[in-house]
Amino acid sequence: MENVRYYIRPGEKIMMFTLRVRWEEKASFFGEGISIITRDQYIRNLSIDKDRAIEKAKLFLDESDILQSDADTLADLNEIRRRESEEVQREREEREAQYEAERNAYANTLVDMVVSGFMPFGMHKGENIKLLPPSYALYWLNTEADDGDIVVDALKKAFAIAFPQLLNLPESNGEYIGNVKERMTFDATCIAVFGFEGFYGWTTIKKFVASTGESLTYMGGGNCPGDIGETVKIKGTIKKHEIYNDEASTYIMRPALVKPKAKKGK
């Protein structure tokens, strides 16, 4: 061993001072010549008081002049803990600041993409916002943005511009219309379109609000005219009156679009 140095330093958890030794030794790796390696090793615990720690280290070593540490080079444990705490806090704040800067930069990149007219993420990533399904647009219009969420705010504005018909959709008055088995004609605005895969295949659900305020619901595997935000004249047979999720609705079946009659020529 060469350049052997004994020194005192706080233990790993800064609970007390410890005695350590550092030295250099020569080593050869796979015949590629001699390298100098520095070794460092724990010897023993000493004391929580720095002066007492130095005294015990000298007694342990017998030769006090080989000890590198003295009272002037050691700080009290409380001072060391304070410095360590401040350093940890400073590193934490630096990491948080870096993360916030990276997050803001990424958010601004997404906002730029939205402003350019394209969806920045999700199942429709890279697609033109104006060409997306109205049901998808309505989802984002109904999404509540957290404070400072510039991406969701930008999406809500973009979808509001692209789909003005989805703004201020009518709400149900909570009443029923017509009688079961009666076939009626309605002027109604579609407010929702969704569905699910069942045992007999895909089932479409469309919800409307009639011009008179009642909620209409179609559920089935056939075609039902109207897309979200569109007002159509439809003819349908009343299937039942039912409350679902605390909402009263008139369910219709066999819906058909009523086309305006062509004007007769003079």
Protein backbone atom coordinates (compact mmCIF):
# COMPACT_ATOMS: atom_id res chain seq x y z
CA MET A 1 0.00 0.00 0.00
CA GLU A 2 1.14 3.53 -0.77
CA ASN A 3 0.05 7.00 0.36
CA VAL A 4 -1.93 5.66 3.31
CA ARG A 5 -4.09 8.37 4.90
CA TYR A 6 -6.28 8.05 7.97
CA TYR A 7 -9.06 10.60 8.31
CA ILE A 8 -12.29 11.35 10.15
CA ARG A 9 -15.61 12.02 8.49
CA PRO A 10 -19.30 11.81 9.43
CA GLY A 11 -20.95 8.45 8.93
CA GLU A 12 -23.42 7.81 6.16
CA LYS A 13 -26.42 9.05 8.19
CA ILE A 14 -24.40 11.82 9.93
CA MET A 15 -25.15 10.24 13.32
CA MET A 16 -21.50 10.28 14.51
CA PHE A 17 -17.93 10.71 13.32
CA THR A 18 -16.15 7.66 11.93
CA LEU A 19 -12.53 6.75 11.26
CA ARG A 20 -11.64 5.77 7.69
CA VAL A 21 -8.48 4.94 5.76
CA ARG A 22 -7.58 5.69 2.14
CA TRP A 23 -4.63 4.28 0.22
CA GLU A 24 -3.33 3.60 -3.25
CA GLU A 25 -2.26 0.29 -4.73
CA LYS A 26 -1.03 -0.95 -8.05
CA ALA A 27 -3.15 -3.30 -10.14
CA SER A 28 -2.92 -4.93 -13.55
CA PHE A 29 -6.04 -5.62 -15.68
CA PHE A 30 -5.80 -8.32 -18.33
CA GLY A 31 -2.16 -7.63 -19.03
CA GLU A 32 -2.74 -4.02 -20.11
CA GLY A 33 -0.16 -2.49 -17.80
CA ILE A 34 -0.12 -1.22 -14.25
CA SER A 35 -2.86 1.10 -12.95
CA ILE A 36 -3.07 2.96 -9.65
CA ILE A 37 -6.30 2.31 -7.74
CA THR A 38 -7.46 4.38 -4.76
CA ARG A 39 -9.13 2.36 -2.00
CA ASP A 40 -11.27 3.78 0.81
CA GLN A 41 -12.45 1.77 3.83
CA TYR A 42 -14.42 2.29 7.03
CA ILE A 43 -12.58 1.37 10.25
CA ARG A 44 -14.77 2.22 13.25
CA ASN A 45 -17.26 4.62 14.85
CA LEU A 46 -15.79 7.31 17.10
CA SER A 47 -18.06 9.87 18.78
CA ILE A 48 -20.79 12.48 18.18
CA ASP A 49 -18.38 15.18 19.48
CA LYS A 50 -15.61 16.16 17.07
CA ASP A 51 -12.93 16.75 19.72
CA ARG A 52 -13.69 13.44 21.39
CA ALA A 53 -13.69 11.74 17.97
CA ILE A 54 -10.19 13.09 17.23
CA GLU A 55 -8.93 11.97 20.63
CA LYS A 56 -10.29 8.43 20.20
CA ALA A 57 -8.89 8.18 16.66
CA LYS A 58 -5.40 9.14 17.86
CA LEU A 59 -5.57 6.60 20.67
CA PHE A 60 -6.67 3.91 18.25
CA LEU A 61 -3.88 4.67 15.77
CA ASP A 62 -1.13 5.10 18.39
CA GLU A 63 0.65 7.44 15.98
CA SER A 64 -1.27 10.71 16.03
CA ASP A 65 0.77 12.28 13.24
CA ILE A 66 -0.71 9.89 10.62
CA LEU A 67 -4.24 11.24 11.23
CA GLN A 68 -5.18 13.80 8.59
CA SER A 69 -8.16 15.32 10.46
CA ASP A 70 -8.03 17.90 13.24
CA ALA A 71 -10.43 20.27 14.99
CA ASP A 72 -9.93 22.98 12.36
CA THR A 73 -10.90 20.75 9.44
CA LEU A 74 -13.99 19.23 11.06
CA ALA A 75 -17.33 20.95 11.55
CA ASP A 76 -19.82 19.98 14.26
CA LEU A 77 -22.35 17.33 13.26
CA ASN A 78 -25.25 19.79 13.57
CA GLU A 79 -23.49 22.16 11.16
CA ILE A 80 -22.81 19.31 8.76
CA ARG A 81 -26.45 18.21 8.92
CA ARG A 82 -27.56 21.79 8.21
CA ARG A 83 -25.26 22.00 5.19
CA GLU A 84 -26.42 18.59 3.95
CA SER A 85 -30.07 19.63 4.37
CA GLU A 86 -29.51 22.88 2.49
CA GLU A 87 -27.68 21.05 -0.28
CA VAL A 88 -30.44 18.45 -0.60
CA GLN A 89 -33.08 21.20 -0.67
CA ARG A 90 -31.11 23.13 -3.29
CA GLU A 91 -30.73 20.04 -5.47
CA ARG A 92 -34.44 19.28 -5.10
CA GLU A 93 -35.38 22.83 -6.12
CA GLU A 94 -33.04 22.64 -9.11
CA ARG A 95 -34.58 19.35 -10.23
CA GLU A 96 -38.10 20.72 -9.81
CA ALA A 97 -37.21 23.87 -11.75
CA GLN A 98 -35.70 21.79 -14.54
CA TYR A 99 -38.73 19.51 -14.65
CA GLU A 100 -41.09 22.52 -14.74
CA ALA A 101 -39.10 24.10 -17.57
CA GLU A 102 -39.16 20.84 -19.57
CA ARG A 103 -42.88 20.38 -18.89
CA ASN A 104 -43.65 23.93 -20.02
CA ALA A 105 -41.55 23.52 -23.14
CA TYR A 106 -43.37 20.29 -24.01
CA ALA A 107 -46.76 21.88 -23.31
CA ASN A 108 -45.90 24.81 -25.57
CA THR A 109 -44.96 22.36 -28.33
CA LEU A 110 -48.37 20.68 -28.01
CA VAL A 111 -50.15 24.05 -28.02
CA ASP A 112 -48.31 25.05 -31.21
CA MET A 113 -49.58 21.86 -32.84
CA VAL A 114 -53.16 22.61 -31.73
CA VAL A 115 -52.93 26.18 -33.03
CA SER A 116 -51.77 24.72 -36.35
CA GLY A 117 -55.02 22.74 -36.44
CA PHE A 118 -53.86 19.25 -35.53
CA MET A 119 -54.48 16.90 -32.60
CA PRO A 120 -51.24 16.63 -30.60
CA PHE A 121 -51.80 13.26 -28.91
CA GLY A 122 -54.25 10.40 -28.36
CA MET A 123 -56.02 8.14 -30.81
CA HIS A 124 -56.31 10.96 -33.37
CA LYS A 125 -52.76 12.26 -33.02
CA GLY A 126 -51.67 14.21 -36.09
CA GLU A 127 -55.20 14.42 -37.57
CA ASN A 128 -56.90 17.64 -38.63
CA ILE A 129 -59.10 18.85 -35.75
CA LYS A 130 -61.83 20.01 -38.15
CA LEU A 131 -62.19 16.47 -39.53
CA LEU A 132 -62.53 14.66 -36.20
CA PRO A 133 -65.82 13.04 -35.09
CA PRO A 134 -68.23 15.47 -33.36
CA SER A 135 -68.52 13.06 -30.41
CA TYR A 136 -64.76 13.37 -29.87
CA ALA A 137 -64.98 17.14 -30.14
CA LEU A 138 -67.81 17.21 -27.58
CA TYR A 139 -65.66 15.21 -25.16
CA TRP A 140 -62.98 17.89 -25.20
CA LEU A 141 -65.49 20.73 -25.05
CA ASN A 142 -66.90 19.18 -21.86
CA THR A 143 -63.46 18.55 -20.33
CA GLU A 144 -62.64 20.72 -17.32
CA ALA A 145 -59.13 22.14 -17.59
CA ASP A 146 -56.97 22.35 -14.47
CA ASP A 147 -55.61 25.78 -13.61
CA GLY A 148 -52.69 26.52 -15.89
CA ASP A 149 -53.35 23.62 -18.27
CA ILE A 150 -52.63 25.50 -21.47
CA VAL A 151 -52.98 22.39 -23.65
CA VAL A 152 -56.57 21.60 -22.65
CA ASP A 153 -57.45 25.30 -22.89
CA ALA A 154 -56.05 25.39 -26.43
CA LEU A 155 -57.97 22.24 -27.39
CA LYS A 156 -61.25 23.60 -26.05
CA LYS A 157 -60.79 26.81 -28.05
CA ALA A 158 -59.82 24.91 -31.20
CA PHE A 159 -62.83 22.57 -30.99
CA ALA A 160 -65.17 25.49 -30.22
CA ILE A 161 -64.03 27.18 -33.43
CA ALA A 162 -64.17 23.97 -35.50
CA PHE A 163 -67.54 22.79 -34.11
CA PRO A 164 -69.66 25.84 -33.20
CA GLN A 165 -72.81 23.69 -33.48
CA LEU A 166 -71.74 21.81 -30.36
CA LEU A 167 -71.80 24.90 -28.17
CA ASN A 168 -74.87 25.51 -26.02
CA LEU A 169 -76.61 22.23 -26.87
CA PRO A 170 -80.19 22.13 -25.56
CA GLU A 171 -81.05 20.45 -22.26
CA SER A 172 -84.01 18.23 -21.47
CA ASN A 173 -86.95 19.57 -19.49
CA GLY A 174 -87.26 16.17 -17.77
CA GLU A 175 -90.70 15.38 -19.26
CA TYR A 176 -92.03 12.65 -21.54
CA ILE A 177 -93.71 13.11 -24.88
CA GLY A 178 -96.42 11.11 -26.63
CA ASN A 179 -97.85 7.68 -25.87
CA VAL A 180 -96.28 4.24 -26.17
CA LYS A 181 -96.72 2.75 -29.68
CA GLU A 182 -97.64 6.15 -31.08
CA ARG A 183 -95.73 7.20 -34.19
CA MET A 184 -94.77 10.84 -34.10
CA THR A 185 -92.72 13.40 -35.95
CA PHE A 186 -90.17 15.44 -34.03
CA ASP A 187 -87.92 18.40 -34.69
CA ALA A 188 -84.98 17.43 -32.51
CA THR A 189 -81.31 18.27 -31.93
CA CYS A 190 -78.85 15.41 -31.45
CA ILE A 191 -76.80 15.94 -28.27
CA ALA A 192 -74.90 12.64 -27.92
CA VAL A 193 -73.84 9.61 -29.97
CA PHE A 194 -72.18 6.52 -28.54
CA GLY A 195 -72.61 2.75 -28.49
CA PHE A 196 -71.32 -0.62 -27.34
CA GLU A 197 -70.54 -4.09 -28.66
CA GLY A 198 -73.07 -6.64 -27.41
CA PHE A 199 -74.05 -10.25 -27.98
CA TYR A 200 -75.95 -9.34 -31.15
CA GLY A 201 -73.34 -6.91 -32.48
CA TRP A 202 -72.94 -3.15 -32.26
CA THR A 203 -75.66 -1.12 -30.60
CA THR A 204 -75.90 2.59 -31.38
CA ILE A 205 -77.30 5.05 -28.85
CA LYS A 206 -78.35 8.53 -29.92
CA LYS A 207 -79.82 11.13 -27.63
CA PHE A 208 -81.90 14.07 -28.81
CA VAL A 209 -83.75 16.98 -27.28
CA ALA A 210 -87.01 17.78 -29.04
CA SER A 211 -87.83 21.37 -29.98
CA THR A 212 -90.46 21.21 -27.21
CA GLY A 213 -87.78 20.25 -24.65
CA GLU A 214 -88.30 16.51 -24.08
CA SER A 215 -85.44 14.01 -24.15
CA LEU A 216 -85.54 11.37 -26.91
CA THR A 217 -83.34 8.27 -27.00
CA TYR A 218 -82.74 5.77 -29.79
CA MET A 219 -81.04 2.47 -28.98
CA GLY A 220 -80.60 -0.18 -31.62
CA GLY A 221 -78.59 -1.65 -34.45
CA GLY A 222 -80.26 0.25 -37.27
CA ASN A 223 -79.68 3.66 -38.76
CA CYS A 224 -80.78 6.78 -36.98
CA PRO A 225 -80.43 10.18 -38.69
CA GLY A 226 -78.59 13.11 -37.14
CA ASP A 227 -75.14 13.77 -35.76
CA ILE A 228 -74.19 15.67 -32.64
CA GLY A 229 -75.23 19.30 -32.90
CA GLU A 230 -77.45 18.68 -35.92
CA THR A 231 -81.17 19.46 -35.83
CA VAL A 232 -83.28 17.08 -37.89
CA LYS A 233 -86.92 16.23 -38.46
CA ILE A 234 -87.46 12.57 -37.67
CA LYS A 235 -90.40 10.25 -37.44
CA GLY A 236 -90.31 7.51 -34.83
CA THR A 237 -92.51 5.15 -32.84
CA ILE A 238 -92.52 5.62 -29.10
CA LYS A 239 -91.20 2.46 -27.48
CA LYS A 240 -91.27 3.36 -23.77
CA HIS A 241 -90.85 6.07 -21.19
CA GLU A 242 -88.00 5.38 -18.81
CA ILE A 243 -85.69 7.00 -16.27
CA TYR A 244 -82.00 6.13 -16.65
CA ASN A 245 -79.25 7.74 -14.57
CA ASP A 246 -81.86 10.04 -13.04
CA GLU A 247 -82.87 11.29 -16.50
CA ALA A 248 -86.36 10.85 -17.88
CA SER A 249 -86.39 10.04 -21.59
CA THR A 250 -88.79 8.92 -24.28
CA TYR A 251 -87.31 5.97 -26.17
CA ILE A 252 -88.12 5.75 -29.87
CA MET A 253 -87.73 2.97 -32.44
CA ARG A 254 -87.69 2.74 -36.23
CA PRO A 255 -86.56 6.36 -36.67
CA ALA A 256 -86.64 7.81 -40.17
CA LEU A 257 -85.58 11.13 -41.57
CA VAL A 258 -88.44 13.31 -42.77
CA LYS A 259 -87.28 15.11 -45.87
CA PRO A 260 -88.76 18.48 -46.74
CA LYS A 261 -91.31 18.31 -49.51
CA ALA A 262 -90.13 19.54 -52.84
CA LYS A 263 -91.76 22.79 -53.93
CA LYS A 264 -94.05 22.45 -56.89
CA GLY A 265 -93.19 24.47 -59.93
CA LYS A 266 -95.45 27.32 -60.99
